[in-house]
Amino acid sequence: MPKRALDSAKMLRLVNHGPTVLVSSGHGGRNNIITLAWFMPVSMDPPMLAIAIAPGRYSHGLIMRSREYVINVPPSRLLPAVWYCGTKSGSEGDKFRGAKLTPAPASVVAAPLVEECFAHIECRVIRAPTTGDHTLFLGEAVAASVEEKAFDGHLRLKQPFHTLHHLGGPHFVTSAGTRLSAS
């Protein structure tokens, strides 16, 4: 089959298949949420996940100082909040308030959970190497929680637990295959 060259700025969209998550962090009395599509599991024993954040992002500084973060899995109905948290800077105001989301205490880390999300993985940073224009925060998962109806060893992915998957720009698809636009 014929192939065409693909702009390097768009090539990562070929492999961005995991759900879009809300990563919460906090330090010095300030909490924040950043929307990320760039995260992945990197170890089963010990359980570890990695998130990639550009150094200019407000959350980057909070995570560097606190050495912890929470990966929160939002249902597709939270698309407006997901978009808000991905397009506004925490340096300009409280994203929990702006996105109408609720901070909740985590069980192990000081960073808050996002109450409206159906799953949470609390992580402590064990390494933070620079990888090009991003920092890769390698976090050991120290606690996890999930809504009872959403998890039986595998995500059921039925309403209201459809995840969001970023396609670029304001375009998303749910785990059910429904295309959504944030704008």
N, C-alpha and C. Protein backbone atom coordinates (compact mmCIF):
# COMPACT_ATOMS: atom_id res chain seq x y z
N MET A 1 0.83 -1.18 0.00
CA MET A 1 0.00 0.00 0.00
C MET A 1 0.88 1.24 0.00
N PRO A 2 0.43 2.27 -0.67
CA PRO A 2 1.22 3.51 -0.66
C PRO A 2 1.19 4.17 0.71
N LYS A 3 2.30 4.78 1.06
CA LYS A 3 2.42 5.51 2.32
C LYS A 3 2.74 6.96 2.01
N ARG A 4 2.45 7.84 2.97
CA ARG A 4 2.80 9.24 2.82
C ARG A 4 3.60 9.67 4.04
N ALA A 5 4.42 10.66 3.86
CA ALA A 5 5.20 11.19 4.98
C ALA A 5 4.25 11.86 5.96
N LEU A 6 4.59 11.77 7.24
CA LEU A 6 3.77 12.36 8.28
C LEU A 6 4.61 13.36 9.06
N ASP A 7 4.08 14.53 9.26
CA ASP A 7 4.74 15.58 10.02
C ASP A 7 5.05 15.05 11.43
N SER A 8 6.27 15.28 11.89
CA SER A 8 6.67 14.76 13.20
C SER A 8 5.81 15.32 14.33
N ALA A 9 5.22 16.49 14.15
CA ALA A 9 4.35 17.06 15.18
C ALA A 9 3.06 16.25 15.33
N LYS A 10 2.70 15.49 14.32
CA LYS A 10 1.46 14.70 14.37
C LYS A 10 1.71 13.21 14.56
N MET A 11 2.96 12.76 14.45
CA MET A 11 3.23 11.32 14.49
C MET A 11 2.85 10.68 15.81
N LEU A 12 2.95 11.41 16.92
CA LEU A 12 2.63 10.81 18.21
C LEU A 12 1.15 10.50 18.34
N ARG A 13 0.33 11.12 17.52
CA ARG A 13 -1.11 10.82 17.55
C ARG A 13 -1.38 9.39 17.07
N LEU A 14 -0.43 8.80 16.36
CA LEU A 14 -0.60 7.41 15.91
C LEU A 14 -0.58 6.43 17.08
N VAL A 15 0.10 6.79 18.16
CA VAL A 15 0.26 5.86 19.27
C VAL A 15 -0.37 6.35 20.58
N ASN A 16 -1.05 7.47 20.56
CA ASN A 16 -1.72 8.00 21.74
C ASN A 16 -3.07 7.31 21.90
N HIS A 17 -3.07 6.11 22.42
CA HIS A 17 -4.33 5.37 22.49
C HIS A 17 -4.88 5.20 23.90
N GLY A 18 -4.10 5.49 24.92
CA GLY A 18 -4.57 5.35 26.28
C GLY A 18 -5.56 6.43 26.64
N PRO A 19 -6.26 6.28 27.75
CA PRO A 19 -7.22 7.30 28.13
C PRO A 19 -6.55 8.60 28.54
N THR A 20 -7.24 9.68 28.33
CA THR A 20 -6.81 10.98 28.81
C THR A 20 -7.10 11.01 30.30
N VAL A 21 -6.14 11.51 31.09
CA VAL A 21 -6.29 11.51 32.54
C VAL A 21 -6.12 12.93 33.08
N LEU A 22 -6.59 13.12 34.29
CA LEU A 22 -6.37 14.36 35.03
C LEU A 22 -5.34 14.04 36.11
N VAL A 23 -4.21 14.71 36.06
CA VAL A 23 -3.17 14.50 37.06
C VAL A 23 -3.23 15.65 38.05
N SER A 24 -3.45 15.30 39.30
CA SER A 24 -3.53 16.32 40.35
C SER A 24 -2.23 16.33 41.14
N SER A 25 -1.90 17.52 41.61
CA SER A 25 -0.67 17.69 42.39
C SER A 25 -0.90 18.84 43.37
N GLY A 26 0.02 18.97 44.29
CA GLY A 26 -0.07 20.06 45.25
C GLY A 26 1.24 20.27 45.97
N HIS A 27 1.47 21.52 46.36
CA HIS A 27 2.65 21.85 47.15
C HIS A 27 2.47 23.26 47.70
N GLY A 28 2.89 23.44 48.94
CA GLY A 28 2.86 24.77 49.54
C GLY A 28 1.48 25.41 49.58
N GLY A 29 0.44 24.60 49.78
CA GLY A 29 -0.91 25.13 49.86
C GLY A 29 -1.58 25.37 48.52
N ARG A 30 -0.91 25.07 47.41
CA ARG A 30 -1.49 25.23 46.07
C ARG A 30 -1.72 23.86 45.45
N ASN A 31 -2.93 23.63 44.95
CA ASN A 31 -3.26 22.40 44.24
C ASN A 31 -3.47 22.72 42.77
N ASN A 32 -3.29 21.72 41.93
CA ASN A 32 -3.50 21.93 40.51
C ASN A 32 -3.92 20.62 39.84
N ILE A 33 -4.46 20.77 38.65
CA ILE A 33 -4.84 19.64 37.80
C ILE A 33 -4.31 19.93 36.41
N ILE A 34 -3.70 18.93 35.79
CA ILE A 34 -3.27 19.04 34.40
C ILE A 34 -3.87 17.87 33.63
N THR A 35 -4.35 18.13 32.43
CA THR A 35 -4.87 17.09 31.56
C THR A 35 -3.70 16.50 30.79
N LEU A 36 -3.59 15.16 30.80
CA LEU A 36 -2.50 14.49 30.10
C LEU A 36 -2.99 13.30 29.29
N ALA A 37 -2.45 13.18 28.10
CA ALA A 37 -2.62 11.96 27.31
C ALA A 37 -1.32 11.17 27.32
N TRP A 38 -0.24 11.80 27.76
CA TRP A 38 1.07 11.17 27.78
C TRP A 38 1.37 10.58 29.15
N PHE A 39 0.94 9.35 29.36
CA PHE A 39 1.28 8.61 30.57
C PHE A 39 1.26 7.13 30.20
N MET A 40 1.95 6.33 31.01
CA MET A 40 1.98 4.89 30.72
C MET A 40 2.48 4.11 31.93
N PRO A 41 2.06 2.84 32.00
CA PRO A 41 2.65 1.96 33.00
C PRO A 41 4.08 1.61 32.55
N VAL A 42 5.01 1.52 33.50
CA VAL A 42 6.39 1.19 33.16
C VAL A 42 6.95 0.02 33.95
N SER A 43 6.23 -0.45 34.97
CA SER A 43 6.69 -1.60 35.75
C SER A 43 5.50 -2.21 36.50
N MET A 44 5.53 -3.54 36.61
CA MET A 44 4.50 -4.22 37.41
C MET A 44 4.98 -4.47 38.83
N ASP A 45 6.30 -4.69 39.02
CA ASP A 45 6.82 -5.01 40.33
C ASP A 45 8.13 -4.27 40.57
N PRO A 46 8.12 -3.13 41.23
CA PRO A 46 6.96 -2.50 41.86
C PRO A 46 6.09 -1.83 40.81
N PRO A 47 4.82 -1.60 41.12
CA PRO A 47 3.95 -0.93 40.15
C PRO A 47 4.38 0.52 39.96
N MET A 48 4.66 0.88 38.71
CA MET A 48 5.13 2.22 38.41
C MET A 48 4.44 2.76 37.17
N LEU A 49 4.19 4.07 37.18
CA LEU A 49 3.63 4.76 36.02
C LEU A 49 4.48 5.98 35.74
N ALA A 50 4.48 6.40 34.48
CA ALA A 50 5.23 7.58 34.10
C ALA A 50 4.28 8.58 33.46
N ILE A 51 4.53 9.85 33.74
CA ILE A 51 3.80 10.93 33.09
C ILE A 51 4.83 11.88 32.49
N ALA A 52 4.50 12.49 31.37
CA ALA A 52 5.41 13.43 30.71
C ALA A 52 4.81 14.82 30.76
N ILE A 53 5.57 15.78 31.31
CA ILE A 53 5.09 17.16 31.46
C ILE A 53 6.22 18.11 31.05
N ALA A 54 5.88 19.10 30.25
CA ALA A 54 6.85 20.11 29.84
C ALA A 54 7.23 20.98 31.04
N PRO A 55 8.49 21.37 31.15
CA PRO A 55 8.94 22.17 32.31
C PRO A 55 8.21 23.50 32.49
N GLY A 56 7.65 24.08 31.46
CA GLY A 56 6.94 25.35 31.59
C GLY A 56 5.56 25.24 32.20
N ARG A 57 5.06 24.05 32.38
CA ARG A 57 3.72 23.86 32.94
C ARG A 57 3.74 24.06 34.45
N TYR A 58 2.67 24.64 34.97
CA TYR A 58 2.56 24.91 36.41
C TYR A 58 2.67 23.62 37.23
N SER A 59 2.02 22.55 36.77
CA SER A 59 2.07 21.27 37.50
C SER A 59 3.49 20.73 37.59
N HIS A 60 4.31 21.00 36.60
CA HIS A 60 5.69 20.52 36.61
C HIS A 60 6.40 20.96 37.88
N GLY A 61 6.30 22.23 38.20
CA GLY A 61 6.94 22.75 39.40
C GLY A 61 6.38 22.16 40.68
N LEU A 62 5.07 22.00 40.74
CA LEU A 62 4.45 21.41 41.94
C LEU A 62 4.93 19.97 42.15
N ILE A 63 4.99 19.20 41.07
CA ILE A 63 5.41 17.80 41.18
C ILE A 63 6.91 17.71 41.50
N MET A 64 7.72 18.58 40.91
CA MET A 64 9.16 18.57 41.21
C MET A 64 9.40 18.84 42.69
N ARG A 65 8.62 19.76 43.27
CA ARG A 65 8.82 20.10 44.68
C ARG A 65 8.19 19.08 45.62
N SER A 66 7.00 18.59 45.30
CA SER A 66 6.31 17.67 46.21
C SER A 66 6.74 16.22 46.03
N ARG A 67 7.22 15.89 44.82
CA ARG A 67 7.65 14.52 44.49
C ARG A 67 6.50 13.51 44.55
N GLU A 68 5.29 13.98 44.18
CA GLU A 68 4.14 13.07 44.14
C GLU A 68 3.06 13.64 43.23
N TYR A 69 2.16 12.75 42.81
CA TYR A 69 1.03 13.14 41.96
C TYR A 69 -0.02 12.04 42.01
N VAL A 70 -1.23 12.37 41.54
CA VAL A 70 -2.31 11.39 41.45
C VAL A 70 -2.81 11.37 40.02
N ILE A 71 -2.88 10.17 39.45
CA ILE A 71 -3.50 9.98 38.14
C ILE A 71 -4.97 9.68 38.39
N ASN A 72 -5.85 10.54 37.89
CA ASN A 72 -7.29 10.40 38.07
C ASN A 72 -7.91 10.07 36.71
N VAL A 73 -8.76 9.06 36.65
CA VAL A 73 -9.38 8.65 35.39
C VAL A 73 -10.79 9.22 35.32
N PRO A 74 -11.00 10.20 34.42
CA PRO A 74 -12.33 10.83 34.33
C PRO A 74 -13.26 10.07 33.40
N PRO A 75 -14.55 10.06 33.70
CA PRO A 75 -15.53 9.54 32.75
C PRO A 75 -15.74 10.54 31.62
N SER A 76 -16.26 10.09 30.51
CA SER A 76 -16.42 10.96 29.34
C SER A 76 -17.32 12.16 29.61
N ARG A 77 -18.23 12.07 30.55
CA ARG A 77 -19.11 13.20 30.84
C ARG A 77 -18.34 14.41 31.39
N LEU A 78 -17.09 14.21 31.81
CA LEU A 78 -16.28 15.30 32.33
C LEU A 78 -15.48 16.01 31.24
N LEU A 79 -15.80 15.78 29.96
CA LEU A 79 -15.04 16.41 28.89
C LEU A 79 -14.89 17.93 29.08
N PRO A 80 -15.93 18.69 29.45
CA PRO A 80 -15.70 20.13 29.64
C PRO A 80 -14.63 20.43 30.70
N ALA A 81 -14.61 19.69 31.78
CA ALA A 81 -13.61 19.89 32.82
C ALA A 81 -12.23 19.45 32.35
N VAL A 82 -12.17 18.34 31.62
CA VAL A 82 -10.91 17.85 31.07
C VAL A 82 -10.32 18.89 30.13
N TRP A 83 -11.15 19.46 29.26
CA TRP A 83 -10.69 20.48 28.32
C TRP A 83 -10.23 21.73 29.08
N TYR A 84 -11.00 22.15 30.07
CA TYR A 84 -10.64 23.33 30.87
C TYR A 84 -9.26 23.12 31.51
N CYS A 85 -9.06 21.97 32.14
CA CYS A 85 -7.80 21.71 32.85
C CYS A 85 -6.62 21.57 31.89
N GLY A 86 -6.90 21.29 30.63
CA GLY A 86 -5.84 21.17 29.65
C GLY A 86 -5.55 22.44 28.89
N THR A 87 -6.40 23.44 29.03
CA THR A 87 -6.21 24.68 28.26
C THR A 87 -6.01 25.91 29.13
N LYS A 88 -6.11 25.77 30.43
CA LYS A 88 -5.88 26.88 31.36
C LYS A 88 -4.64 26.58 32.19
N SER A 89 -3.98 27.61 32.66
CA SER A 89 -2.81 27.43 33.51
C SER A 89 -3.17 27.58 34.97
N GLY A 90 -2.65 26.70 35.80
CA GLY A 90 -2.86 26.79 37.23
C GLY A 90 -2.21 28.01 37.84
N SER A 91 -1.27 28.61 37.12
CA SER A 91 -0.63 29.83 37.64
C SER A 91 -1.60 31.01 37.61
N GLU A 92 -2.68 30.88 36.87
CA GLU A 92 -3.66 31.97 36.73
C GLU A 92 -4.88 31.80 37.64
N GLY A 93 -4.98 30.69 38.35
CA GLY A 93 -6.12 30.50 39.23
C GLY A 93 -6.33 29.04 39.58
N ASP A 94 -7.30 28.81 40.43
CA ASP A 94 -7.63 27.48 40.94
C ASP A 94 -8.40 26.69 39.89
N LYS A 95 -7.78 25.67 39.32
CA LYS A 95 -8.45 24.87 38.29
C LYS A 95 -9.54 23.98 38.88
N PHE A 96 -9.42 23.56 40.13
CA PHE A 96 -10.51 22.80 40.75
C PHE A 96 -11.78 23.65 40.71
N ARG A 97 -11.66 24.89 41.13
CA ARG A 97 -12.82 25.79 41.15
C ARG A 97 -13.29 26.09 39.73
N GLY A 98 -12.36 26.45 38.85
CA GLY A 98 -12.71 26.82 37.48
C GLY A 98 -13.37 25.70 36.70
N ALA A 99 -12.94 24.45 36.95
CA ALA A 99 -13.49 23.30 36.24
C ALA A 99 -14.68 22.68 36.99
N LYS A 100 -15.01 23.26 38.14
CA LYS A 100 -16.10 22.75 38.98
C LYS A 100 -15.85 21.29 39.40
N LEU A 101 -14.61 21.05 39.85
CA LEU A 101 -14.21 19.73 40.33
C LEU A 101 -13.91 19.83 41.82
N THR A 102 -13.98 18.70 42.50
CA THR A 102 -13.84 18.66 43.94
C THR A 102 -12.53 17.99 44.36
N PRO A 103 -11.66 18.70 45.09
CA PRO A 103 -10.47 18.03 45.64
C PRO A 103 -10.90 17.15 46.81
N ALA A 104 -10.33 15.96 46.87
CA ALA A 104 -10.63 15.04 47.97
C ALA A 104 -9.32 14.50 48.51
N PRO A 105 -9.28 14.17 49.80
CA PRO A 105 -8.04 13.66 50.37
C PRO A 105 -7.65 12.31 49.75
N ALA A 106 -6.39 12.16 49.45
CA ALA A 106 -5.85 10.88 48.99
C ALA A 106 -5.57 10.03 50.22
N SER A 107 -5.36 8.74 50.02
CA SER A 107 -5.13 7.87 51.18
C SER A 107 -3.68 7.85 51.64
N VAL A 108 -2.71 8.13 50.74
CA VAL A 108 -1.30 8.06 51.11
C VAL A 108 -0.56 9.36 50.81
N VAL A 109 -0.72 9.92 49.63
CA VAL A 109 0.02 11.13 49.25
C VAL A 109 -0.75 12.38 49.68
N ALA A 110 -0.06 13.51 49.70
CA ALA A 110 -0.70 14.78 50.08
C ALA A 110 -1.45 15.41 48.92
N ALA A 111 -1.09 15.08 47.68
CA ALA A 111 -1.80 15.62 46.52
C ALA A 111 -3.26 15.17 46.58
N PRO A 112 -4.19 16.03 46.16
CA PRO A 112 -5.61 15.66 46.24
C PRO A 112 -6.04 14.74 45.10
N LEU A 113 -7.09 13.98 45.37
CA LEU A 113 -7.78 13.23 44.31
C LEU A 113 -8.78 14.18 43.65
N VAL A 114 -9.23 13.84 42.46
CA VAL A 114 -10.34 14.55 41.82
C VAL A 114 -11.56 13.68 42.07
N GLU A 115 -12.43 14.13 42.98
CA GLU A 115 -13.57 13.33 43.46
C GLU A 115 -14.45 12.81 42.33
N GLU A 116 -14.68 13.58 41.28
CA GLU A 116 -15.60 13.21 40.20
C GLU A 116 -15.05 12.11 39.29
N CYS A 117 -13.77 11.81 39.40
CA CYS A 117 -13.18 10.74 38.59
C CYS A 117 -13.51 9.39 39.20
N PHE A 118 -13.53 8.33 38.37
CA PHE A 118 -13.92 7.03 38.90
C PHE A 118 -12.76 6.15 39.33
N ALA A 119 -11.53 6.57 39.05
CA ALA A 119 -10.37 5.81 39.49
C ALA A 119 -9.22 6.77 39.80
N HIS A 120 -8.37 6.36 40.73
CA HIS A 120 -7.26 7.19 41.18
C HIS A 120 -6.05 6.30 41.47
N ILE A 121 -4.87 6.74 41.03
CA ILE A 121 -3.63 6.05 41.34
C ILE A 121 -2.68 7.07 41.94
N GLU A 122 -2.34 6.87 43.19
CA GLU A 122 -1.46 7.78 43.91
C GLU A 122 -0.01 7.35 43.68
N CYS A 123 0.84 8.31 43.30
CA CYS A 123 2.22 7.99 42.94
C CYS A 123 3.22 8.88 43.67
N ARG A 124 4.35 8.27 44.00
CA ARG A 124 5.50 9.01 44.54
C ARG A 124 6.61 8.97 43.50
N VAL A 125 7.16 10.12 43.19
CA VAL A 125 8.20 10.22 42.16
C VAL A 125 9.49 9.56 42.67
N ILE A 126 10.03 8.64 41.85
CA ILE A 126 11.30 8.02 42.20
C ILE A 126 12.43 8.51 41.29
N ARG A 127 12.08 9.01 40.12
CA ARG A 127 13.05 9.60 39.19
C ARG A 127 12.32 10.60 38.32
N ALA A 128 13.07 11.58 37.81
CA ALA A 128 12.47 12.59 36.94
C ALA A 128 13.49 13.02 35.88
N PRO A 129 13.80 12.12 34.93
CA PRO A 129 14.77 12.49 33.89
C PRO A 129 14.15 13.43 32.85
N THR A 130 15.01 14.27 32.29
CA THR A 130 14.59 15.11 31.17
C THR A 130 14.67 14.28 29.91
N THR A 131 13.61 14.30 29.13
CA THR A 131 13.56 13.54 27.88
C THR A 131 13.18 14.51 26.77
N GLY A 132 14.17 15.17 26.18
CA GLY A 132 13.88 16.17 25.17
C GLY A 132 13.23 17.38 25.81
N ASP A 133 12.03 17.73 25.34
CA ASP A 133 11.36 18.93 25.86
C ASP A 133 10.38 18.64 26.98
N HIS A 134 10.40 17.44 27.54
CA HIS A 134 9.52 17.07 28.65
C HIS A 134 10.34 16.42 29.77
N THR A 135 9.78 16.44 30.97
CA THR A 135 10.31 15.67 32.09
C THR A 135 9.44 14.43 32.22
N LEU A 136 10.07 13.28 32.37
CA LEU A 136 9.35 12.03 32.56
C LEU A 136 9.34 11.74 34.05
N PHE A 137 8.20 11.95 34.69
CA PHE A 137 8.07 11.69 36.12
C PHE A 137 7.74 10.21 36.31
N LEU A 138 8.72 9.44 36.79
CA LEU A 138 8.51 8.02 37.06
C LEU A 138 8.00 7.90 38.48
N GLY A 139 6.78 7.42 38.62
CA GLY A 139 6.17 7.35 39.94
C GLY A 139 5.82 5.94 40.34
N GLU A 140 6.17 5.60 41.57
CA GLU A 140 5.75 4.31 42.11
C GLU A 140 4.33 4.47 42.64
N ALA A 141 3.45 3.59 42.22
CA ALA A 141 2.06 3.62 42.68
C ALA A 141 2.03 3.12 44.12
N VAL A 142 1.58 3.99 45.03
CA VAL A 142 1.57 3.64 46.45
C VAL A 142 0.15 3.37 46.97
N ALA A 143 -0.86 3.71 46.16
CA ALA A 143 -2.25 3.43 46.51
C ALA A 143 -3.11 3.61 45.26
N ALA A 144 -4.23 2.92 45.24
CA ALA A 144 -5.17 3.06 44.13
C ALA A 144 -6.58 2.84 44.66
N SER A 145 -7.54 3.50 44.02
CA SER A 145 -8.95 3.32 44.38
C SER A 145 -9.78 3.45 43.11
N VAL A 146 -10.94 2.80 43.13
CA VAL A 146 -11.81 2.80 41.95
C VAL A 146 -13.25 2.61 42.41
N GLU A 147 -14.18 3.20 41.67
CA GLU A 147 -15.59 2.97 41.97
C GLU A 147 -15.89 1.49 41.80
N GLU A 148 -16.59 0.95 42.77
CA GLU A 148 -16.87 -0.48 42.80
C GLU A 148 -17.50 -1.01 41.52
N LYS A 149 -18.46 -0.30 40.97
CA LYS A 149 -19.16 -0.77 39.77
C LYS A 149 -18.32 -0.67 38.51
N ALA A 150 -17.21 0.05 38.57
CA ALA A 150 -16.39 0.25 37.37
C ALA A 150 -15.33 -0.83 37.18
N PHE A 151 -15.04 -1.60 38.22
CA PHE A 151 -13.88 -2.47 38.13
C PHE A 151 -14.13 -3.84 38.74
N ASP A 152 -13.94 -4.87 37.93
CA ASP A 152 -14.04 -6.25 38.39
C ASP A 152 -12.77 -7.01 38.03
N GLY A 153 -11.66 -6.29 37.94
CA GLY A 153 -10.41 -6.85 37.47
C GLY A 153 -10.08 -6.33 36.07
N HIS A 154 -11.11 -5.86 35.39
CA HIS A 154 -10.99 -5.21 34.08
C HIS A 154 -12.02 -4.09 34.07
N LEU A 155 -11.68 -2.97 33.43
CA LEU A 155 -12.67 -1.90 33.34
C LEU A 155 -13.86 -2.41 32.53
N ARG A 156 -15.05 -2.19 33.01
CA ARG A 156 -16.25 -2.61 32.29
C ARG A 156 -16.55 -1.69 31.11
N LEU A 157 -16.11 -0.43 31.23
CA LEU A 157 -16.27 0.56 30.16
C LEU A 157 -17.70 0.69 29.64
N LYS A 158 -18.62 0.67 30.57
CA LYS A 158 -20.02 0.96 30.26
C LYS A 158 -20.34 2.30 30.90
N GLN A 159 -21.39 2.95 30.41
CA GLN A 159 -21.78 4.20 31.04
C GLN A 159 -21.99 3.94 32.52
N PRO A 160 -21.58 4.78 33.39
CA PRO A 160 -20.98 6.09 33.17
C PRO A 160 -19.44 6.07 33.17
N PHE A 161 -18.83 4.92 32.84
CA PHE A 161 -17.38 4.78 32.97
C PHE A 161 -16.63 4.81 31.64
N HIS A 162 -17.21 5.35 30.58
CA HIS A 162 -16.49 5.47 29.31
C HIS A 162 -15.34 6.45 29.49
N THR A 163 -14.17 6.05 29.04
CA THR A 163 -13.00 6.93 29.14
C THR A 163 -12.89 7.81 27.91
N LEU A 164 -12.11 8.88 28.03
CA LEU A 164 -11.86 9.81 26.92
C LEU A 164 -10.47 9.52 26.34
N HIS A 165 -10.37 9.60 25.02
CA HIS A 165 -9.10 9.38 24.33
C HIS A 165 -8.88 10.56 23.39
N HIS A 166 -7.74 11.24 23.57
CA HIS A 166 -7.46 12.47 22.83
C HIS A 166 -7.01 12.16 21.41
N LEU A 167 -7.62 12.84 20.44
CA LEU A 167 -7.27 12.66 19.03
C LEU A 167 -6.49 13.85 18.48
N GLY A 168 -6.25 14.86 19.30
CA GLY A 168 -5.57 16.08 18.86
C GLY A 168 -6.54 17.24 18.86
N GLY A 169 -6.05 18.42 19.22
CA GLY A 169 -6.91 19.60 19.28
C GLY A 169 -8.08 19.33 20.22
N PRO A 170 -9.28 19.82 19.88
CA PRO A 170 -10.44 19.62 20.76
C PRO A 170 -11.16 18.29 20.51
N HIS A 171 -10.54 17.39 19.77
CA HIS A 171 -11.21 16.15 19.33
C HIS A 171 -10.87 14.97 20.24
N PHE A 172 -11.91 14.26 20.64
CA PHE A 172 -11.79 13.10 21.51
C PHE A 172 -12.70 12.00 20.99
N VAL A 173 -12.44 10.79 21.43
CA VAL A 173 -13.34 9.67 21.20
C VAL A 173 -13.49 8.96 22.54
N THR A 174 -14.67 8.43 22.82
CA THR A 174 -14.86 7.70 24.06
C THR A 174 -14.49 6.24 23.85
N SER A 175 -14.36 5.50 24.93
CA SER A 175 -14.07 4.08 24.83
C SER A 175 -15.21 3.33 24.15
N ALA A 176 -16.36 3.95 24.01
CA ALA A 176 -17.50 3.34 23.29
C ALA A 176 -17.47 3.69 21.80
N GLY A 177 -16.49 4.53 21.39
CA GLY A 177 -16.39 4.89 19.99
C GLY A 177 -17.11 6.16 19.59
N THR A 178 -17.69 6.86 20.55
CA THR A 178 -18.40 8.10 20.25
C THR A 178 -17.41 9.24 20.12
N ARG A 179 -17.49 9.96 19.01
CA ARG A 179 -16.61 11.12 18.81
C ARG A 179 -17.22 12.32 19.51
N LEU A 180 -16.35 13.08 20.21
CA LEU A 180 -16.78 14.27 20.93
C LEU A 180 -15.83 15.41 20.61
N SER A 181 -16.33 16.61 20.71
CA SER A 181 -15.49 17.79 20.52
C SER A 181 -15.66 18.69 21.73
N ALA A 182 -14.54 19.20 22.23
CA ALA A 182 -14.58 20.06 23.41
C ALA A 182 -14.97 21.49 23.05
N SER A 183 -14.98 21.83 21.78
CA SER A 183 -15.33 23.21 21.43
C SER A 183 -16.59 23.26 20.59
